[in-house]
Amino acid sequence: MDLKHYFRKLREIEAGISTANTFVVSLETSDGGKAGIVTEVKREIAAKMIVEGRAVLAGGDEKQAFLKKQHAERAAIQRAEAAKRMQVTLVPSSEAEQSFSQNTTGSKK
């Protein structure tokens, strides 16, 4: 590929991407690239990947599915982290009953 043609095409594609970050879907490549992986990248990187034939711009459905999956994974990680921080205190039943009876009689006054 001619360098002038490469950079002209790179600038054209980059100008066609309106946002600073965009989503691309990878294509299968001869060096082991897997097809169908959605990724959020900067406009410049997206244009380079498209010109080199390693990716295409993601459609609306692909973006939404990616964001939904990311949100679900983030929520699962946050729940796991919260579970790690959860503190449990074991109280003998006699102390629990005593504490409970003090709290209920104190609130009836």
C-alpha atoms as a PDB file:
ATOM      1  CA  MET A   1       0.000   0.000   0.000  1.00  0.00           C
ATOM      2  CA  ASP A   2       1.227   3.435  -0.904  1.00  0.00           C
ATOM      3  CA  LEU A   3       1.968   5.567   2.185  1.00  0.00           C
ATOM      4  CA  LYS A   4       0.105   8.584   0.811  1.00  0.00           C
ATOM      5  CA  HIS A   5      -2.943   6.443   0.163  1.00  0.00           C
ATOM      6  CA  TYR A   6      -2.662   4.841   3.639  1.00  0.00           C
ATOM      7  CA  PHE A   7      -2.527   8.157   5.495  1.00  0.00           C
ATOM      8  CA  ARG A   8      -5.225   9.742   3.310  1.00  0.00           C
ATOM      9  CA  LYS A   9      -7.554   6.838   4.072  1.00  0.00           C
ATOM     10  CA  LEU A  10      -6.579   7.037   7.765  1.00  0.00           C
ATOM     11  CA  ARG A  11      -7.490  10.742   7.909  1.00  0.00           C
ATOM     12  CA  GLU A  12     -10.774  10.143   6.053  1.00  0.00           C
ATOM     13  CA  ILE A  13     -11.879   7.403   8.409  1.00  0.00           C
ATOM     14  CA  GLU A  14     -10.763   9.376  11.462  1.00  0.00           C
ATOM     15  CA  ALA A  15     -12.754  12.399  10.260  1.00  0.00           C
ATOM     16  CA  GLY A  16     -15.816  10.185   9.826  1.00  0.00           C
ATOM     17  CA  ILE A  17     -15.751   9.135  13.491  1.00  0.00           C
ATOM     18  CA  SER A  18     -17.545  11.844  15.446  1.00  0.00           C
ATOM     19  CA  THR A  19     -16.727  10.869  19.031  1.00  0.00           C
ATOM     20  CA  ALA A  20     -13.367  10.793  20.834  1.00  0.00           C
ATOM     21  CA  ASN A  21     -13.892   7.143  21.761  1.00  0.00           C
ATOM     22  CA  THR A  22     -15.691   4.614  19.617  1.00  0.00           C
ATOM     23  CA  PHE A  23     -16.438   0.916  19.509  1.00  0.00           C
ATOM     24  CA  VAL A  24     -14.889  -1.476  17.005  1.00  0.00           C
ATOM     25  CA  VAL A  25     -15.443  -5.151  16.284  1.00  0.00           C
ATOM     26  CA  SER A  26     -12.319  -7.142  15.522  1.00  0.00           C
ATOM     27  CA  LEU A  27     -11.863  -9.189  12.375  1.00  0.00           C
ATOM     28  CA  GLU A  28      -9.959 -12.444  12.071  1.00  0.00           C
ATOM     29  CA  THR A  29      -6.358 -11.795  11.067  1.00  0.00           C
ATOM     30  CA  SER A  30      -3.514 -13.974   9.867  1.00  0.00           C
ATOM     31  CA  ASP A  31      -1.475 -13.181  12.982  1.00  0.00           C
ATOM     32  CA  GLY A  32      -4.048 -14.739  15.321  1.00  0.00           C
ATOM     33  CA  GLY A  33      -6.591 -11.955  15.798  1.00  0.00           C
ATOM     34  CA  LYS A  34     -10.001 -13.233  16.878  1.00  0.00           C
ATOM     35  CA  ALA A  35     -13.129 -12.098  15.092  1.00  0.00           C
ATOM     36  CA  GLY A  36     -16.121 -10.582  16.881  1.00  0.00           C
ATOM     37  CA  ILE A  37     -14.423  -8.990  19.896  1.00  0.00           C
ATOM     38  CA  VAL A  38     -15.981  -5.589  20.693  1.00  0.00           C
ATOM     39  CA  THR A  39     -13.606  -2.989  22.122  1.00  0.00           C
ATOM     40  CA  GLU A  40     -13.837   0.693  22.990  1.00  0.00           C
ATOM     41  CA  VAL A  41     -10.848   2.588  21.587  1.00  0.00           C
ATOM     42  CA  LYS A  42      -9.782   6.129  20.759  1.00  0.00           C
ATOM     43  CA  ARG A  43     -10.740   7.510  17.366  1.00  0.00           C
ATOM     44  CA  GLU A  44      -7.143   7.406  16.101  1.00  0.00           C
ATOM     45  CA  ILE A  45      -6.675   3.755  17.049  1.00  0.00           C
ATOM     46  CA  ALA A  46     -10.035   2.810  15.534  1.00  0.00           C
ATOM     47  CA  ALA A  47      -9.122   4.470  12.231  1.00  0.00           C
ATOM     48  CA  LYS A  48      -5.756   2.678  12.158  1.00  0.00           C
ATOM     49  CA  MET A  49      -7.371  -0.709  12.874  1.00  0.00           C
ATOM     50  CA  ILE A  50      -9.992  -0.156  10.154  1.00  0.00           C
ATOM     51  CA  VAL A  51      -7.420   0.888   7.535  1.00  0.00           C
ATOM     52  CA  GLU A  52      -5.249  -2.120   8.384  1.00  0.00           C
ATOM     53  CA  GLY A  53      -8.258  -4.440   8.035  1.00  0.00           C
ATOM     54  CA  ARG A  54      -8.180  -5.579  11.655  1.00  0.00           C
ATOM     55  CA  ALA A  55     -11.568  -4.142  12.714  1.00  0.00           C
ATOM     56  CA  VAL A  56     -14.807  -2.511  11.619  1.00  0.00           C
ATOM     57  CA  LEU A  57     -16.961   0.049  13.410  1.00  0.00           C
ATOM     58  CA  ALA A  58     -19.453  -1.564  15.783  1.00  0.00           C
ATOM     59  CA  GLY A  59     -23.164  -1.187  15.159  1.00  0.00           C
ATOM     60  CA  GLY A  60     -25.668   0.067  17.729  1.00  0.00           C
ATOM     61  CA  ASP A  61     -26.731  -3.423  18.826  1.00  0.00           C
ATOM     62  CA  GLU A  62     -23.124  -4.511  19.312  1.00  0.00           C
ATOM     63  CA  LYS A  63     -22.385  -1.406  21.381  1.00  0.00           C
ATOM     64  CA  GLN A  64     -25.416  -1.947  23.603  1.00  0.00           C
ATOM     65  CA  ALA A  65     -24.598  -5.638  24.131  1.00  0.00           C
ATOM     66  CA  PHE A  66     -21.003  -4.732  25.014  1.00  0.00           C
ATOM     67  CA  LEU A  67     -22.058  -2.028  27.479  1.00  0.00           C
ATOM     68  CA  LYS A  68     -24.671  -4.298  29.064  1.00  0.00           C
ATOM     69  CA  LYS A  69     -22.082  -7.061  29.497  1.00  0.00           C
ATOM     70  CA  GLN A  70     -19.566  -4.598  30.981  1.00  0.00           C
ATOM     71  CA  HIS A  71     -22.185  -3.283  33.412  1.00  0.00           C
ATOM     72  CA  ALA A  72     -23.112  -6.818  34.540  1.00  0.00           C
ATOM     73  CA  GLU A  73     -19.453  -7.765  35.023  1.00  0.00           C
ATOM     74  CA  ARG A  74     -18.759  -4.553  36.949  1.00  0.00           C
ATOM     75  CA  ALA A  75     -21.765  -5.188  39.231  1.00  0.00           C
ATOM     76  CA  ALA A  76     -20.632  -8.766  39.883  1.00  0.00           C
ATOM     77  CA  ILE A  77     -17.145  -7.580  40.817  1.00  0.00           C
ATOM     78  CA  GLN A  78     -18.563  -4.903  43.121  1.00  0.00           C
ATOM     79  CA  ARG A  79     -20.774  -7.502  44.850  1.00  0.00           C
ATOM     80  CA  ALA A  80     -17.778  -9.807  45.294  1.00  0.00           C
ATOM     81  CA  GLU A  81     -15.713  -6.970  46.750  1.00  0.00           C
ATOM     82  CA  ALA A  82     -18.541  -6.011  49.109  1.00  0.00           C
ATOM     83  CA  ALA A  83     -18.816  -9.628  50.240  1.00  0.00           C
ATOM     84  CA  LYS A  84     -15.101  -9.634  51.042  1.00  0.00           C
ATOM     85  CA  ARG A  85     -15.523  -6.561  53.224  1.00  0.00           C
ATOM     86  CA  MET A  86     -18.644  -7.805  54.998  1.00  0.00           C
ATOM     87  CA  GLN A  87     -18.001  -8.330  58.683  1.00  0.00           C
ATOM     88  CA  VAL A  88     -19.844 -10.927  60.685  1.00  0.00           C
ATOM     89  CA  THR A  89     -19.854 -11.156  64.462  1.00  0.00           C
ATOM     90  CA  LEU A  90     -20.839 -14.392  66.129  1.00  0.00           C
ATOM     91  CA  VAL A  91     -22.739 -13.823  69.349  1.00  0.00           C
ATOM     92  CA  PRO A  92     -23.717 -16.644  71.708  1.00  0.00           C
ATOM     93  CA  SER A  93     -27.497 -17.129  71.767  1.00  0.00           C
ATOM     94  CA  SER A  94     -27.743 -16.226  75.454  1.00  0.00           C
ATOM     95  CA  GLU A  95     -26.121 -12.829  74.840  1.00  0.00           C
ATOM     96  CA  ALA A  96     -28.280 -12.247  71.760  1.00  0.00           C
ATOM     97  CA  GLU A  97     -31.474 -12.998  73.704  1.00  0.00           C
ATOM     98  CA  GLN A  98     -30.350 -10.746  76.545  1.00  0.00           C
ATOM     99  CA  SER A  99     -29.507  -7.921  74.154  1.00  0.00           C
ATOM    100  CA  PHE A 100     -32.804  -8.384  72.299  1.00  0.00           C
ATOM    101  CA  SER A 101     -34.866  -8.340  75.489  1.00  0.00           C
ATOM    102  CA  GLN A 102     -33.091  -5.167  76.683  1.00  0.00           C
ATOM    103  CA  ASN A 103     -33.766  -3.428  73.361  1.00  0.00           C
ATOM    104  CA  THR A 104     -37.450  -4.362  73.281  1.00  0.00           C
ATOM    105  CA  THR A 105     -38.135  -3.375  76.896  1.00  0.00           C
ATOM    106  CA  GLY A 106     -36.220  -0.131  76.477  1.00  0.00           C
ATOM    107  CA  SER A 107     -38.289   0.910  73.446  1.00  0.00           C
ATOM    108  CA  LYS A 108     -41.616   0.325  75.199  1.00  0.00           C
ATOM    109  CA  LYS A 109     -40.992   2.977  77.818  1.00  0.00           C
END
